[in-house]
C-alpha atoms as a PDB file:
ATOM      1  CA  MET A   1      75.266 128.600  92.769  1.00  0.00           C
ATOM      2  CA  SER A   2      78.619 127.523  91.284  1.00  0.00           C
ATOM      3  CA  LYS A   3      78.685 124.570  88.902  1.00  0.00           C
ATOM      4  CA  PRO A   4      80.005 121.348  90.552  1.00  0.00           C
ATOM      5  CA  ILE A   5      83.476 120.270  89.469  1.00  0.00           C
ATOM      6  CA  ARG A   6      83.202 117.156  87.333  1.00  0.00           C
ATOM      7  CA  THR A   7      85.127 114.087  88.403  1.00  0.00           C
ATOM      8  CA  ALA A   8      88.188 113.637  86.183  1.00  0.00           C
ATOM      9  CA  ALA A   9      89.517 110.210  87.247  1.00  0.00           C
ATOM     10  CA  LEU A  10      88.374 107.016  88.971  1.00  0.00           C
ATOM     11  CA  LEU A  11      90.369 104.849  91.404  1.00  0.00           C
ATOM     12  CA  LEU A  12      89.234 101.329  92.306  1.00  0.00           C
ATOM     13  CA  ASP A  13      90.260  99.012  95.112  1.00  0.00           C
ATOM     14  CA  LEU A  14      90.553  95.375  94.026  1.00  0.00           C
ATOM     15  CA  ASP A  15      89.582  92.854  96.753  1.00  0.00           C
ATOM     16  CA  GLY A  16      86.072  93.400  98.069  1.00  0.00           C
ATOM     17  CA  THR A  17      85.401  96.126  95.509  1.00  0.00           C
ATOM     18  CA  LEU A  18      86.265  95.024  91.989  1.00  0.00           C
ATOM     19  CA  ILE A  19      86.449  91.304  92.815  1.00  0.00           C
ATOM     20  CA  GLY A  20      85.005  89.085  95.535  1.00  0.00           C
ATOM     21  CA  ARG A  21      85.732  85.668  96.970  1.00  0.00           C
ATOM     22  CA  GLU A  22      85.889  84.005  93.539  1.00  0.00           C
ATOM     23  CA  GLU A  23      88.521  86.536  92.396  1.00  0.00           C
ATOM     24  CA  ARG A  24      86.808  87.417  89.163  1.00  0.00           C
ATOM     25  CA  VAL A  25      85.232  90.533  87.700  1.00  0.00           C
ATOM     26  CA  SER A  26      81.537  89.996  87.020  1.00  0.00           C
ATOM     27  CA  HIS A  27      80.137  90.807  83.590  1.00  0.00           C
ATOM     28  CA  ARG A  28      78.120  93.744  84.922  1.00  0.00           C
ATOM     29  CA  VAL A  29      81.046  95.236  86.816  1.00  0.00           C
ATOM     30  CA  ALA A  30      83.377  94.830  83.823  1.00  0.00           C
ATOM     31  CA  LYS A  31      80.867  96.584  81.563  1.00  0.00           C
ATOM     32  CA  ALA A  32      80.470  99.480  83.993  1.00  0.00           C
ATOM     33  CA  VAL A  33      84.231  99.912  84.495  1.00  0.00           C
ATOM     34  CA  ARG A  34      84.849  99.872  80.742  1.00  0.00           C
ATOM     35  CA  GLU A  35      82.173 102.514  80.232  1.00  0.00           C
ATOM     36  CA  ALA A  36      83.752 104.700  82.907  1.00  0.00           C
ATOM     37  CA  SER A  37      87.204 104.243  81.354  1.00  0.00           C
ATOM     38  CA  GLN A  38      85.896 105.648  78.070  1.00  0.00           C
ATOM     39  CA  ARG A  39      85.207 108.911  79.885  1.00  0.00           C
ATOM     40  CA  VAL A  40      88.039 109.280  82.416  1.00  0.00           C
ATOM     41  CA  PRO A  41      91.307 107.539  83.364  1.00  0.00           C
ATOM     42  CA  VAL A  42      90.631 104.516  85.584  1.00  0.00           C
ATOM     43  CA  SER A  43      93.284 102.959  87.828  1.00  0.00           C
ATOM     44  CA  ILE A  44      93.211 100.005  90.185  1.00  0.00           C
ATOM     45  CA  VAL A  45      94.758 100.880  93.559  1.00  0.00           C
ATOM     46  CA  THR A  46      95.436  97.683  95.488  1.00  0.00           C
ATOM     47  CA  GLY A  47      97.556  96.164  98.213  1.00  0.00           C
ATOM     48  CA  ARG A  48      98.228  93.170  95.972  1.00  0.00           C
ATOM     49  CA  GLU A  49     101.365  92.389  93.991  1.00  0.00           C
ATOM     50  CA  PRO A  50     102.130  93.626  90.456  1.00  0.00           C
ATOM     51  CA  ALA A  51     101.016  90.435  88.677  1.00  0.00           C
ATOM     52  CA  ASP A  52      97.497  90.819  90.046  1.00  0.00           C
ATOM     53  CA  VAL A  53      97.048  94.458  89.106  1.00  0.00           C
ATOM     54  CA  LEU A  54      98.397  93.741  85.621  1.00  0.00           C
ATOM     55  CA  ARG A  55      96.047  90.786  85.193  1.00  0.00           C
ATOM     56  CA  PHE A  56      92.894  92.709  86.055  1.00  0.00           C
ATOM     57  CA  SER A  57      93.836  96.007  84.418  1.00  0.00           C
ATOM     58  CA  ARG A  58      94.568  94.192  81.151  1.00  0.00           C
ATOM     59  CA  GLU A  59      91.339  92.184  81.414  1.00  0.00           C
ATOM     60  CA  LEU A  60      89.446  95.476  81.676  1.00  0.00           C
ATOM     61  CA  GLY A  61      91.478  97.232  78.980  1.00  0.00           C
ATOM     62  CA  LEU A  62      92.781  99.934  81.335  1.00  0.00           C
ATOM     63  CA  THR A  63      95.666 101.949  79.918  1.00  0.00           C
ATOM     64  CA  THR A  64      96.431 104.405  82.727  1.00  0.00           C
ATOM     65  CA  PRO A  65      99.197 103.726  85.280  1.00  0.00           C
ATOM     66  CA  GLN A  66      98.066 101.215  87.918  1.00  0.00           C
ATOM     67  CA  VAL A  67      98.906 101.175  91.640  1.00  0.00           C
ATOM     68  CA  CYS A  68      99.863  98.071  93.624  1.00  0.00           C
ATOM     69  CA  ASP A  69     101.677  97.084  96.840  1.00  0.00           C
ATOM     70  CA  GLY A  70      99.479  99.377  98.919  1.00  0.00           C
ATOM     71  CA  GLY A  71     100.703 102.457  97.069  1.00  0.00           C
ATOM     72  CA  ALA A  72     104.405 101.571  97.046  1.00  0.00           C
ATOM     73  CA  SER A  73     104.511 100.814  93.304  1.00  0.00           C
ATOM     74  CA  VAL A  74     103.040 102.249  90.107  1.00  0.00           C
ATOM     75  CA  LEU A  75     103.069 100.184  86.899  1.00  0.00           C
ATOM     76  CA  ASP A  76     102.608 100.702  83.190  1.00  0.00           C
ATOM     77  CA  PRO A  77      99.819  98.186  82.394  1.00  0.00           C
ATOM     78  CA  ALA A  78     100.999  97.761  78.805  1.00  0.00           C
ATOM     79  CA  THR A  79     104.616  96.830  79.548  1.00  0.00           C
ATOM     80  CA  GLY A  80     104.474  95.837  83.226  1.00  0.00           C
ATOM     81  CA  ASP A  81     107.392  98.202  83.906  1.00  0.00           C
ATOM     82  CA  TYR A  82     107.695 100.145  87.137  1.00  0.00           C
ATOM     83  CA  LEU A  83     106.997 103.851  86.694  1.00  0.00           C
ATOM     84  CA  TRP A  84     107.580 104.716  90.353  1.00  0.00           C
ATOM     85  CA  ARG A  85     108.250 102.892  93.624  1.00  0.00           C
ATOM     86  CA  LEU A  86     109.226 103.600  97.225  1.00  0.00           C
ATOM     87  CA  PRO A  87     110.512 100.422  98.941  1.00  0.00           C
ATOM     88  CA  LEU A  88     110.935  99.586 102.594  1.00  0.00           C
ATOM     89  CA  ARG A  89     114.342 100.269 104.112  1.00  0.00           C
ATOM     90  CA  PRO A  90     116.329  97.002 103.781  1.00  0.00           C
ATOM     91  CA  GLU A  91     117.120  96.674 107.491  1.00  0.00           C
ATOM     92  CA  LYS A  92     113.493  97.289 108.451  1.00  0.00           C
ATOM     93  CA  ALA A  93     112.260  94.759 105.897  1.00  0.00           C
ATOM     94  CA  GLY A  94     114.661  92.216 107.387  1.00  0.00           C
ATOM     95  CA  ASP A  95     113.341  92.862 110.896  1.00  0.00           C
ATOM     96  CA  ILE A  96     109.733  92.403 109.768  1.00  0.00           C
ATOM     97  CA  LEU A  97     110.498  89.166 107.910  1.00  0.00           C
ATOM     98  CA  ASP A  98     112.453  87.771 110.862  1.00  0.00           C
ATOM     99  CA  GLY A  99     109.533  88.514 113.162  1.00  0.00           C
ATOM    100  CA  LEU A 100     106.982  86.865 110.865  1.00  0.00           C
ATOM    101  CA  ARG A 101     109.169  83.773 110.470  1.00  0.00           C
ATOM    102  CA  SER A 102     109.624  83.516 114.245  1.00  0.00           C
ATOM    103  CA  ALA A 103     105.855  83.643 114.644  1.00  0.00           C
ATOM    104  CA  GLU A 104     105.482  81.051 111.851  1.00  0.00           C
ATOM    105  CA  ALA A 105     103.113  83.460 110.094  1.00  0.00           C
ATOM    106  CA  ALA A 106     102.239  83.208 106.431  1.00  0.00           C
ATOM    107  CA  PHE A 107     103.493  86.178 104.438  1.00  0.00           C
ATOM    108  CA  VAL A 108     104.190  87.544 100.988  1.00  0.00           C
ATOM    109  CA  ALA A 109     106.914  90.098 100.201  1.00  0.00           C
ATOM    110  CA  THR A 110     107.134  91.733  96.789  1.00  0.00           C
ATOM    111  CA  HIS A 111     110.285  92.991  95.098  1.00  0.00           C
ATOM    112  CA  PRO A 112     111.068  94.223  91.574  1.00  0.00           C
ATOM    113  CA  THR A 113     111.953  90.751  90.281  1.00  0.00           C
ATOM    114  CA  GLY A 114     109.241  88.668  91.923  1.00  0.00           C
ATOM    115  CA  VAL A 115     107.689  87.542  95.177  1.00  0.00           C
ATOM    116  CA  LEU A 116     109.135  86.004  98.349  1.00  0.00           C
ATOM    117  CA  THR A 117     106.796  83.885 100.483  1.00  0.00           C
ATOM    118  CA  HIS A 118     107.065  81.829 103.648  1.00  0.00           C
ATOM    119  CA  ALA A 119     107.030  78.768 101.382  1.00  0.00           C
ATOM    120  CA  ASN A 120     110.026  79.528  99.153  1.00  0.00           C
ATOM    121  CA  GLY A 121     112.553  79.810 101.956  1.00  0.00           C
ATOM    122  CA  SER A 122     115.207  82.311 102.939  1.00  0.00           C
ATOM    123  CA  GLY A 123     117.587  81.596 100.070  1.00  0.00           C
ATOM    124  CA  LEU A 124     115.950  84.188  97.847  1.00  0.00           C
ATOM    125  CA  GLU A 125     116.044  86.770 100.613  1.00  0.00           C
ATOM    126  CA  VAL A 126     119.841  86.566 100.659  1.00  0.00           C
ATOM    127  CA  LEU A 127     119.777  87.865  97.083  1.00  0.00           C
ATOM    128  CA  VAL A 128     116.903  90.326  97.506  1.00  0.00           C
ATOM    129  CA  ARG A 129     116.799  93.052 100.141  1.00  0.00           C
ATOM    130  CA  ASP A 130     114.699  95.525  98.173  1.00  0.00           C
ATOM    131  CA  PHE A 131     111.053  94.950  99.122  1.00  0.00           C
ATOM    132  CA  ASN A 132     108.120  97.086  98.020  1.00  0.00           C
ATOM    133  CA  ARG A 133     105.734  95.593 100.558  1.00  0.00           C
ATOM    134  CA  ILE A 134     105.507  92.790 103.104  1.00  0.00           C
ATOM    135  CA  SER A 135     102.114  91.377 104.075  1.00  0.00           C
ATOM    136  CA  ALA A 136     101.333  89.040 106.945  1.00  0.00           C
ATOM    137  CA  LEU A 137      98.447  86.841 105.816  1.00  0.00           C
ATOM    138  CA  ASP A 138      95.532  84.792 107.137  1.00  0.00           C
ATOM    139  CA  LEU A 139      95.304  86.401 110.574  1.00  0.00           C
ATOM    140  CA  GLY A 140      92.393  86.562 112.956  1.00  0.00           C
ATOM    141  CA  HIS A 141      91.095  90.066 113.667  1.00  0.00           C
ATOM    142  CA  ASP A 142      92.699  90.330 117.129  1.00  0.00           C
ATOM    143  CA  ALA A 143      96.062  89.058 115.856  1.00  0.00           C
ATOM    144  CA  ALA A 144      95.980  91.615 113.034  1.00  0.00           C
ATOM    145  CA  GLU A 145      95.154  94.410 115.498  1.00  0.00           C
ATOM    146  CA  ALA A 146      98.027  93.372 117.749  1.00  0.00           C
ATOM    147  CA  LEU A 147     100.484  93.287 114.853  1.00  0.00           C
ATOM    148  CA  VAL A 148      99.489  96.771 113.714  1.00  0.00           C
ATOM    149  CA  ALA A 149      99.817  98.028 117.289  1.00  0.00           C
ATOM    150  CA  ARG A 150     103.399  96.710 117.484  1.00  0.00           C
ATOM    151  CA  PHE A 151     104.424  99.046 114.653  1.00  0.00           C
ATOM    152  CA  THR A 152     102.276 102.048 115.518  1.00  0.00           C
ATOM    153  CA  GLY A 153     104.624 104.997 115.863  1.00  0.00           C
ATOM    154  CA  ASP A 154     107.523 103.300 114.059  1.00  0.00           C
ATOM    155  CA  PRO A 155     109.110 106.107 111.969  1.00  0.00           C
ATOM    156  CA  ASP A 156     110.142 103.720 109.203  1.00  0.00           C
ATOM    157  CA  VAL A 157     106.972 101.677 108.633  1.00  0.00           C
ATOM    158  CA  HIS A 158     103.346 102.147 107.704  1.00  0.00           C
ATOM    159  CA  ALA A 159     101.324  99.147 108.957  1.00  0.00           C
ATOM    160  CA  VAL A 160      97.634  98.690 108.181  1.00  0.00           C
ATOM    161  CA  LYS A 161      95.212  95.788 108.347  1.00  0.00           C
ATOM    162  CA  SER A 162      92.934  94.781 105.483  1.00  0.00           C
ATOM    163  CA  PHE A 163      90.154  92.216 105.183  1.00  0.00           C
ATOM    164  CA  LEU A 164      90.689  89.207 102.891  1.00  0.00           C
ATOM    165  CA  PRO A 165      87.316  88.507 101.263  1.00  0.00           C
ATOM    166  CA  TYR A 166      88.487  85.263  99.703  1.00  0.00           C
ATOM    167  CA  ASN A 167      88.878  83.542 103.109  1.00  0.00           C
ATOM    168  CA  GLY A 168      87.306  85.867 105.685  1.00  0.00           C
ATOM    169  CA  LEU A 169      90.616  86.483 107.497  1.00  0.00           C
ATOM    170  CA  TRP A 170      92.878  89.541 107.752  1.00  0.00           C
ATOM    171  CA  ALA A 171      96.222  90.724 106.402  1.00  0.00           C
ATOM    172  CA  VAL A 172      98.610  93.332 107.739  1.00  0.00           C
ATOM    173  CA  ASP A 173     100.490  95.278 105.069  1.00  0.00           C
ATOM    174  CA  PHE A 174     103.889  96.817 105.810  1.00  0.00           C
ATOM    175  CA  THR A 175     105.232  99.557 103.538  1.00  0.00           C
ATOM    176  CA  HIS A 176     107.604 102.500 103.768  1.00  0.00           C
ATOM    177  CA  ALA A 177     106.396 105.025 106.360  1.00  0.00           C
ATOM    178  CA  GLN A 178     105.624 107.541 103.605  1.00  0.00           C
ATOM    179  CA  VAL A 179     103.526 105.083 101.577  1.00  0.00           C
ATOM    180  CA  ASN A 180      99.815 104.407 101.500  1.00  0.00           C
ATOM    181  CA  LYS A 181      97.269 104.093  98.710  1.00  0.00           C
ATOM    182  CA  ALA A 182      96.792 107.863  98.535  1.00  0.00           C
ATOM    183  CA  VAL A 183     100.515 108.366  97.865  1.00  0.00           C
ATOM    184  CA  GLY A 184     100.566 106.034  94.848  1.00  0.00           C
ATOM    185  CA  ALA A 185      97.308 107.524  93.588  1.00  0.00           C
ATOM    186  CA  ALA A 186      98.695 111.063  93.922  1.00  0.00           C
ATOM    187  CA  TRP A 187     101.675 110.068  91.751  1.00  0.00           C
ATOM    188  CA  VAL A 188      99.285 108.838  89.053  1.00  0.00           C
ATOM    189  CA  GLY A 189      97.171 111.972  89.362  1.00  0.00           C
ATOM    190  CA  GLY A 190     100.244 114.164  89.070  1.00  0.00           C
ATOM    191  CA  LYS A 191     101.241 112.544  85.795  1.00  0.00           C
ATOM    192  CA  ALA A 192      97.710 112.988  84.459  1.00  0.00           C
ATOM    193  CA  ARG A 193      97.473 116.509  85.924  1.00  0.00           C
ATOM    194  CA  VAL A 194      94.366 115.530  87.834  1.00  0.00           C
ATOM    195  CA  GLY A 195      94.270 116.362  91.527  1.00  0.00           C
ATOM    196  CA  LEU A 196      92.807 113.894  93.973  1.00  0.00           C
ATOM    197  CA  ASP A 197      90.198 116.514  94.844  1.00  0.00           C
ATOM    198  CA  ARG A 198      88.791 115.924  91.341  1.00  0.00           C
ATOM    199  CA  THR A 199      89.036 112.127  91.625  1.00  0.00           C
ATOM    200  CA  ALA A 200      86.530 109.482  92.754  1.00  0.00           C
ATOM    201  CA  ALA A 201      87.708 106.498  94.793  1.00  0.00           C
ATOM    202  CA  VAL A 202      85.921 103.267  95.676  1.00  0.00           C
ATOM    203  CA  GLY A 203      87.041 101.004  98.534  1.00  0.00           C
ATOM    204  CA  ASP A 204      85.975  98.672 101.287  1.00  0.00           C
ATOM    205  CA  SER A 205      88.689  98.230 103.939  1.00  0.00           C
ATOM    206  CA  PHE A 206      90.974 100.116 106.321  1.00  0.00           C
ATOM    207  CA  ASN A 207      93.848 100.315 103.854  1.00  0.00           C
ATOM    208  CA  ASP A 208      91.514 102.343 101.599  1.00  0.00           C
ATOM    209  CA  LEU A 209      90.907 104.995 104.246  1.00  0.00           C
ATOM    210  CA  PRO A 210      93.804 107.354 103.320  1.00  0.00           C
ATOM    211  CA  LEU A 211      92.791 107.128  99.663  1.00  0.00           C
ATOM    212  CA  LEU A 212      89.143 107.846 100.364  1.00  0.00           C
ATOM    213  CA  GLU A 213      89.986 110.744 102.662  1.00  0.00           C
ATOM    214  CA  ALA A 214      92.211 112.305  99.974  1.00  0.00           C
ATOM    215  CA  CYS A 215      89.694 112.068  97.121  1.00  0.00           C
ATOM    216  CA  GLY A 216      86.929 114.487  96.276  1.00  0.00           C
ATOM    217  CA  VAL A 217      84.307 111.778  95.747  1.00  0.00           C
ATOM    218  CA  ARG A 218      84.210 108.797  98.100  1.00  0.00           C
ATOM    219  CA  VAL A 219      82.294 105.576  97.415  1.00  0.00           C
ATOM    220  CA  VAL A 220      82.306 102.765  99.972  1.00  0.00           C
ATOM    221  CA  MET A 221      81.102  99.200  99.564  1.00  0.00           C
ATOM    222  CA  GLY A 222      78.168  97.986 101.625  1.00  0.00           C
ATOM    223  CA  ASP A 223      80.093  95.562 103.838  1.00  0.00           C
ATOM    224  CA  ALA A 224      82.874  98.068 104.649  1.00  0.00           C
ATOM    225  CA  PRO A 225      83.642  99.073 108.255  1.00  0.00           C
ATOM    226  CA  ASP A 226      81.570 101.885 109.744  1.00  0.00           C
ATOM    227  CA  ALA A 227      84.621 104.185 109.797  1.00  0.00           C
ATOM    228  CA  LEU A 228      84.633 104.154 105.997  1.00  0.00           C
ATOM    229  CA  LYS A 229      80.867 104.485 105.627  1.00  0.00           C
ATOM    230  CA  ALA A 230      80.968 107.554 107.869  1.00  0.00           C
ATOM    231  CA  ILE A 231      82.954 109.525 105.261  1.00  0.00           C
ATOM    232  CA  ALA A 232      81.244 108.145 102.137  1.00  0.00           C
ATOM    233  CA  HIS A 233      79.278 110.206  99.646  1.00  0.00           C
ATOM    234  CA  PHE A 234      77.670 106.982  98.421  1.00  0.00           C
ATOM    235  CA  VAL A 235      77.433 103.540 100.009  1.00  0.00           C
ATOM    236  CA  ALA A 236      77.137 100.818  97.377  1.00  0.00           C
ATOM    237  CA  PRO A 237      75.828  97.290  97.814  1.00  0.00           C
ATOM    238  CA  SER A 238      78.378  94.558  98.507  1.00  0.00           C
ATOM    239  CA  VAL A 239      80.737  93.128  95.902  1.00  0.00           C
ATOM    240  CA  GLU A 240      78.586  89.988  95.714  1.00  0.00           C
ATOM    241  CA  GLU A 241      75.676  92.219  94.638  1.00  0.00           C
ATOM    242  CA  ASP A 242      77.720  93.940  91.912  1.00  0.00           C
ATOM    243  CA  GLY A 243      77.924  97.005  94.121  1.00  0.00           C
ATOM    244  CA  LEU A 244      80.702  98.629  92.098  1.00  0.00           C
ATOM    245  CA  ALA A 245      78.603  98.438  88.940  1.00  0.00           C
ATOM    246  CA  ILE A 246      75.635  99.990  90.747  1.00  0.00           C
ATOM    247  CA  ALA A 247      77.838 102.776  92.131  1.00  0.00           C
ATOM    248  CA  ILE A 248      79.193 103.556  88.675  1.00  0.00           C
ATOM    249  CA  GLU A 249      75.833 103.348  86.905  1.00  0.00           C
ATOM    250  CA  GLU A 250      73.749 105.257  89.440  1.00  0.00           C
ATOM    251  CA  PHE A 251      76.178 107.645  91.144  1.00  0.00           C
ATOM    252  CA  LEU A 252      79.471 108.078  89.308  1.00  0.00           C
ATOM    253  CA  LEU A 253      78.673 108.170  85.575  1.00  0.00           C
ATOM    254  CA  PRO A 254      76.635 111.389  85.901  1.00  0.00           C
ATOM    255  CA  LYS A 255      79.709 112.985  87.498  1.00  0.00           C
ATOM    256  CA  LEU A 256      82.247 111.826  84.894  1.00  0.00           C
END
């Protein structure tokens, strides 16, 4: 029998995996992540904006490139500089923003110099047409499904819904058609010369599905949708039960 290939990197979703409703990393989870990072490169791979991935990666002492904006951006956690990004086409970003404003939907749109929201008006958008990601926020499940369906098949856009554990509602993330979490993670793996087939990923929502499918070891949180659990090598307890720490301690550390 051939010897199993050891896992050479670890990729972690943020909301619902690393942090829960209170948006903090528990002591047990932090300890487990730091122990893992002493053995292999660890990167957060999140749909959130750069400031969030920098905050949590620095809190955990992670030094590898970190992925945000649903895979559209990769950052140096030490400097905060972009290492790689693939933005939405400007005209498509404008169409999405116009549609969300017409529907009076809450949204956030990230760009290299900051964040545009429904609250800070259209004045900034006149100056910025270069968006990494646009996310419609605080949607009911059916509204999120309908919004994704509107863009299914659009050659310029990747649209995916994700659960928001801090309020129990849903978001829909819009990125370039060639972007998802697996794409950003593959860029990081390429720099480290570690293929995704030798990488473990942990996630909990639909926007994690491409990442999980691409990675050699797949860990899914206990309150994830059944579609994710169906492809998991290990199903961890929920984030409220320190499930990530348990997954690292009991399943991943022996593989690292």
